[in-house]
Amino acid sequence: MDAQTQLELEAAAFRALRKHLMEERTDVQNIDMMNLTGFCRNCLSRWYQEAANARGIEMSKDEARELFYGMTMAEWKANYQTDASPQKQADFEVAFKENVTDKS
């Protein structure tokens, strides 16, 4: 497979993942994703931002989230986010530390 085809397939897979998470499984909470997998929608938007910044494209965290979510975080939270139990919040602290916090 040539590099361009691989790039196009990877982009298509990313778009399918985004669509799945943003349109088909809005019931799945970010905290549950983070606790189970070590990443969530916010991580995906951050990776998008980091890729843009690495290419010299200035993009803030909020801009990346709005591009990924297709709405502001306030809109997403109002429409889809539910309250997390104290146990889920405690589990999140561990998952965030293990997967997001800079370990260097």
N, C-alpha and C. Protein backbone atom coordinates (compact mmCIF):
# COMPACT_ATOMS: atom_id res chain seq x y z
N MET A 1 0.85 -1.17 0.00
CA MET A 1 0.00 0.00 0.00
C MET A 1 0.90 1.24 0.00
N ASP A 2 0.55 2.19 -0.83
CA ASP A 2 1.36 3.41 -0.89
C ASP A 2 0.98 4.33 0.28
N ALA A 3 1.86 5.27 0.58
CA ALA A 3 1.70 6.15 1.74
C ALA A 3 0.43 6.99 1.67
N GLN A 4 0.08 7.50 0.50
CA GLN A 4 -1.11 8.33 0.36
C GLN A 4 -2.38 7.52 0.65
N THR A 5 -2.44 6.30 0.14
CA THR A 5 -3.60 5.45 0.41
C THR A 5 -3.70 5.14 1.90
N GLN A 6 -2.57 4.84 2.52
CA GLN A 6 -2.58 4.58 3.96
C GLN A 6 -3.09 5.80 4.72
N LEU A 7 -2.62 6.98 4.37
CA LEU A 7 -3.06 8.22 5.00
C LEU A 7 -4.56 8.41 4.85
N GLU A 8 -5.07 8.16 3.66
CA GLU A 8 -6.51 8.31 3.40
C GLU A 8 -7.33 7.31 4.19
N LEU A 9 -6.85 6.08 4.31
CA LEU A 9 -7.56 5.07 5.09
C LEU A 9 -7.55 5.40 6.57
N GLU A 10 -6.41 5.88 7.06
CA GLU A 10 -6.33 6.28 8.47
C GLU A 10 -7.28 7.45 8.74
N ALA A 11 -7.34 8.41 7.84
CA ALA A 11 -8.25 9.54 8.00
C ALA A 11 -9.71 9.07 7.98
N ALA A 12 -10.03 8.14 7.11
CA ALA A 12 -11.39 7.61 7.04
C ALA A 12 -11.75 6.87 8.34
N ALA A 13 -10.80 6.13 8.89
CA ALA A 13 -11.04 5.42 10.15
C ALA A 13 -11.26 6.42 11.29
N PHE A 14 -10.48 7.49 11.31
CA PHE A 14 -10.65 8.52 12.32
C PHE A 14 -12.03 9.17 12.20
N ARG A 15 -12.45 9.48 10.99
CA ARG A 15 -13.77 10.07 10.78
C ARG A 15 -14.88 9.12 11.24
N ALA A 16 -14.71 7.84 10.99
CA ALA A 16 -15.71 6.86 11.42
C ALA A 16 -15.76 6.77 12.95
N LEU A 17 -14.60 6.81 13.60
CA LEU A 17 -14.56 6.80 15.06
C LEU A 17 -15.24 8.04 15.62
N ARG A 18 -14.92 9.20 15.06
CA ARG A 18 -15.53 10.44 15.51
C ARG A 18 -17.05 10.39 15.35
N LYS A 19 -17.53 9.95 14.19
CA LYS A 19 -18.97 9.85 13.94
C LYS A 19 -19.63 8.90 14.94
N HIS A 20 -18.98 7.78 15.17
CA HIS A 20 -19.52 6.80 16.11
C HIS A 20 -19.67 7.41 17.50
N LEU A 21 -18.63 8.10 17.97
CA LEU A 21 -18.66 8.67 19.31
C LEU A 21 -19.56 9.89 19.42
N MET A 22 -19.65 10.68 18.35
CA MET A 22 -20.37 11.95 18.43
C MET A 22 -21.83 11.85 17.97
N GLU A 23 -22.16 10.84 17.20
CA GLU A 23 -23.53 10.73 16.68
C GLU A 23 -24.24 9.45 17.12
N GLU A 24 -23.50 8.36 17.16
CA GLU A 24 -24.15 7.08 17.42
C GLU A 24 -24.09 6.65 18.87
N ARG A 25 -23.08 7.10 19.63
CA ARG A 25 -22.93 6.68 21.02
C ARG A 25 -22.74 7.86 21.96
N THR A 26 -23.62 8.85 21.82
CA THR A 26 -23.56 10.00 22.72
C THR A 26 -23.87 9.60 24.16
N ASP A 27 -24.44 8.40 24.34
CA ASP A 27 -24.76 7.91 25.67
C ASP A 27 -23.52 7.49 26.45
N VAL A 28 -22.43 7.19 25.74
CA VAL A 28 -21.19 6.78 26.40
C VAL A 28 -20.51 8.03 26.95
N GLN A 29 -20.30 8.04 28.24
CA GLN A 29 -19.72 9.19 28.90
C GLN A 29 -18.19 9.21 28.76
N ASN A 30 -17.63 10.41 28.65
CA ASN A 30 -16.18 10.55 28.57
C ASN A 30 -15.49 9.91 29.77
N ILE A 31 -16.06 10.10 30.96
CA ILE A 31 -15.42 9.55 32.15
C ILE A 31 -15.35 8.03 32.08
N ASP A 32 -16.38 7.40 31.52
CA ASP A 32 -16.37 5.94 31.38
C ASP A 32 -15.32 5.51 30.36
N MET A 33 -15.21 6.25 29.27
CA MET A 33 -14.19 5.94 28.27
C MET A 33 -12.79 6.06 28.88
N MET A 34 -12.55 7.14 29.60
CA MET A 34 -11.24 7.35 30.20
C MET A 34 -10.93 6.26 31.22
N ASN A 35 -11.90 5.93 32.04
CA ASN A 35 -11.68 4.91 33.07
C ASN A 35 -11.42 3.53 32.48
N LEU A 36 -12.04 3.24 31.34
CA LEU A 36 -11.88 1.92 30.73
C LEU A 36 -10.73 1.84 29.73
N THR A 37 -10.50 2.93 28.98
CA THR A 37 -9.55 2.85 27.87
C THR A 37 -8.35 3.76 28.00
N GLY A 38 -8.43 4.73 28.91
CA GLY A 38 -7.32 5.66 29.06
C GLY A 38 -7.36 6.82 28.08
N PHE A 39 -8.46 6.95 27.33
CA PHE A 39 -8.65 8.12 26.46
C PHE A 39 -10.15 8.36 26.30
N CYS A 40 -10.47 9.59 25.86
CA CYS A 40 -11.88 9.94 25.66
C CYS A 40 -11.97 10.94 24.51
N ARG A 41 -13.13 11.49 24.32
CA ARG A 41 -13.33 12.48 23.24
C ARG A 41 -12.40 13.67 23.42
N ASN A 42 -12.21 14.11 24.67
CA ASN A 42 -11.32 15.24 24.91
C ASN A 42 -9.89 14.92 24.50
N CYS A 43 -9.46 13.69 24.72
CA CYS A 43 -8.12 13.27 24.29
C CYS A 43 -8.02 13.34 22.77
N LEU A 44 -9.04 12.84 22.09
CA LEU A 44 -9.02 12.88 20.63
C LEU A 44 -8.95 14.32 20.12
N SER A 45 -9.69 15.23 20.76
CA SER A 45 -9.63 16.62 20.33
C SER A 45 -8.26 17.22 20.65
N ARG A 46 -7.66 16.80 21.76
CA ARG A 46 -6.32 17.30 22.11
C ARG A 46 -5.29 16.79 21.11
N TRP A 47 -5.39 15.54 20.71
CA TRP A 47 -4.46 14.99 19.72
C TRP A 47 -4.61 15.73 18.38
N TYR A 48 -5.83 16.10 18.06
CA TYR A 48 -6.10 16.89 16.85
C TYR A 48 -5.40 18.24 16.97
N GLN A 49 -5.56 18.88 18.12
CA GLN A 49 -4.91 20.17 18.37
C GLN A 49 -3.40 20.05 18.28
N GLU A 50 -2.84 19.02 18.91
CA GLU A 50 -1.39 18.83 18.90
C GLU A 50 -0.88 18.61 17.49
N ALA A 51 -1.64 17.87 16.68
CA ALA A 51 -1.23 17.65 15.29
C ALA A 51 -1.25 18.97 14.51
N ALA A 52 -2.27 19.78 14.74
CA ALA A 52 -2.35 21.08 14.08
C ALA A 52 -1.18 21.96 14.51
N ASN A 53 -0.94 22.04 15.81
CA ASN A 53 0.15 22.87 16.32
C ASN A 53 1.50 22.41 15.79
N ALA A 54 1.69 21.10 15.66
CA ALA A 54 2.95 20.57 15.13
C ALA A 54 3.18 20.98 13.68
N ARG A 55 2.10 21.27 12.98
CA ARG A 55 2.19 21.72 11.59
C ARG A 55 2.19 23.24 11.48
N GLY A 56 2.30 23.92 12.61
CA GLY A 56 2.35 25.37 12.59
C GLY A 56 0.98 26.04 12.53
N ILE A 57 -0.07 25.28 12.75
CA ILE A 57 -1.43 25.81 12.75
C ILE A 57 -1.81 26.10 14.20
N GLU A 58 -2.03 27.36 14.49
CA GLU A 58 -2.41 27.72 15.86
C GLU A 58 -3.85 27.30 16.10
N MET A 59 -4.04 26.55 17.17
CA MET A 59 -5.38 26.08 17.52
C MET A 59 -5.41 25.92 19.03
N SER A 60 -6.39 26.52 19.66
CA SER A 60 -6.54 26.41 21.11
C SER A 60 -7.27 25.11 21.46
N LYS A 61 -7.23 24.78 22.74
CA LYS A 61 -7.94 23.60 23.22
C LYS A 61 -9.44 23.74 22.93
N ASP A 62 -9.99 24.92 23.19
CA ASP A 62 -11.42 25.13 22.95
C ASP A 62 -11.77 25.04 21.46
N GLU A 63 -10.90 25.58 20.61
CA GLU A 63 -11.14 25.50 19.16
C GLU A 63 -11.11 24.05 18.69
N ALA A 64 -10.15 23.28 19.19
CA ALA A 64 -10.05 21.87 18.80
C ALA A 64 -11.26 21.09 19.28
N ARG A 65 -11.68 21.35 20.50
CA ARG A 65 -12.86 20.65 21.02
C ARG A 65 -14.10 20.98 20.20
N GLU A 66 -14.27 22.25 19.86
CA GLU A 66 -15.45 22.63 19.08
C GLU A 66 -15.41 21.99 17.70
N LEU A 67 -14.24 21.90 17.09
CA LEU A 67 -14.12 21.23 15.79
C LEU A 67 -14.43 19.75 15.92
N PHE A 68 -13.90 19.10 16.97
CA PHE A 68 -14.12 17.67 17.13
C PHE A 68 -15.57 17.37 17.52
N TYR A 69 -16.08 18.10 18.50
CA TYR A 69 -17.43 17.85 19.00
C TYR A 69 -18.52 18.35 18.05
N GLY A 70 -18.18 19.34 17.23
CA GLY A 70 -19.19 19.93 16.36
C GLY A 70 -20.08 20.90 17.13
N MET A 71 -19.67 21.26 18.31
CA MET A 71 -20.39 22.19 19.18
C MET A 71 -19.45 22.59 20.30
N THR A 72 -19.85 23.57 21.09
CA THR A 72 -19.03 23.95 22.23
C THR A 72 -19.11 22.88 23.31
N MET A 73 -18.14 22.90 24.20
CA MET A 73 -18.18 21.95 25.32
C MET A 73 -19.41 22.21 26.19
N ALA A 74 -19.78 23.47 26.35
CA ALA A 74 -20.97 23.78 27.15
C ALA A 74 -22.21 23.14 26.53
N GLU A 75 -22.32 23.19 25.21
CA GLU A 75 -23.46 22.55 24.53
C GLU A 75 -23.42 21.03 24.71
N TRP A 76 -22.24 20.44 24.53
CA TRP A 76 -22.10 18.99 24.70
C TRP A 76 -22.52 18.57 26.11
N LYS A 77 -21.98 19.28 27.10
CA LYS A 77 -22.30 18.93 28.49
C LYS A 77 -23.79 19.06 28.77
N ALA A 78 -24.40 20.13 28.28
CA ALA A 78 -25.83 20.34 28.51
C ALA A 78 -26.68 19.26 27.84
N ASN A 79 -26.25 18.81 26.68
CA ASN A 79 -27.04 17.84 25.91
C ASN A 79 -26.77 16.39 26.28
N TYR A 80 -25.54 16.06 26.67
CA TYR A 80 -25.18 14.64 26.77
C TYR A 80 -24.51 14.21 28.07
N GLN A 81 -23.88 15.11 28.80
CA GLN A 81 -23.11 14.69 29.96
C GLN A 81 -24.00 14.48 31.17
N THR A 82 -23.77 13.38 31.86
CA THR A 82 -24.50 13.09 33.09
C THR A 82 -23.55 13.19 34.28
N ASP A 83 -24.11 13.23 35.46
CA ASP A 83 -23.29 13.30 36.67
C ASP A 83 -22.58 11.98 36.88
N ALA A 84 -21.34 12.07 37.33
CA ALA A 84 -20.54 10.88 37.60
C ALA A 84 -20.57 10.58 39.10
N SER A 85 -20.63 9.32 39.42
CA SER A 85 -20.62 8.91 40.83
C SER A 85 -19.26 9.23 41.45
N PRO A 86 -19.22 9.31 42.77
CA PRO A 86 -17.93 9.53 43.43
C PRO A 86 -16.89 8.46 43.05
N GLN A 87 -17.32 7.21 42.88
CA GLN A 87 -16.37 6.16 42.51
C GLN A 87 -15.82 6.38 41.11
N LYS A 88 -16.68 6.76 40.17
CA LYS A 88 -16.20 7.05 38.82
C LYS A 88 -15.23 8.22 38.82
N GLN A 89 -15.52 9.23 39.65
CA GLN A 89 -14.62 10.38 39.74
C GLN A 89 -13.26 9.97 40.31
N ALA A 90 -13.27 9.11 41.32
CA ALA A 90 -12.01 8.63 41.90
C ALA A 90 -11.24 7.79 40.89
N ASP A 91 -11.94 6.93 40.16
CA ASP A 91 -11.29 6.13 39.12
C ASP A 91 -10.70 7.03 38.03
N PHE A 92 -11.42 8.11 37.71
CA PHE A 92 -10.94 9.05 36.70
C PHE A 92 -9.64 9.71 37.12
N GLU A 93 -9.53 10.09 38.37
CA GLU A 93 -8.28 10.71 38.86
C GLU A 93 -7.09 9.80 38.59
N VAL A 94 -7.26 8.52 38.82
CA VAL A 94 -6.19 7.55 38.57
C VAL A 94 -5.94 7.42 37.08
N ALA A 95 -7.00 7.25 36.29
CA ALA A 95 -6.85 7.08 34.84
C ALA A 95 -6.21 8.31 34.20
N PHE A 96 -6.62 9.49 34.65
CA PHE A 96 -6.06 10.72 34.08
C PHE A 96 -4.57 10.81 34.40
N LYS A 97 -4.22 10.52 35.64
CA LYS A 97 -2.81 10.57 36.04
C LYS A 97 -1.98 9.57 35.23
N GLU A 98 -2.51 8.38 35.02
CA GLU A 98 -1.78 7.34 34.30
C GLU A 98 -1.69 7.58 32.80
N ASN A 99 -2.67 8.27 32.22
CA ASN A 99 -2.76 8.36 30.77
C ASN A 99 -2.59 9.74 30.18
N VAL A 100 -2.80 10.78 30.95
CA VAL A 100 -2.77 12.13 30.39
C VAL A 100 -1.67 12.99 30.99
N THR A 101 -1.51 12.91 32.27
CA THR A 101 -0.52 13.75 32.95
C THR A 101 0.87 13.42 32.44
N ASP A 102 1.64 14.45 32.14
CA ASP A 102 3.01 14.29 31.67
C ASP A 102 3.83 13.57 32.74
N LYS A 103 4.42 12.46 32.37
CA LYS A 103 5.18 11.64 33.32
C LYS A 103 6.67 11.95 33.31
N SER A 104 7.10 12.91 32.49
CA SER A 104 8.53 13.18 32.40
C SER A 104 9.03 14.04 33.53
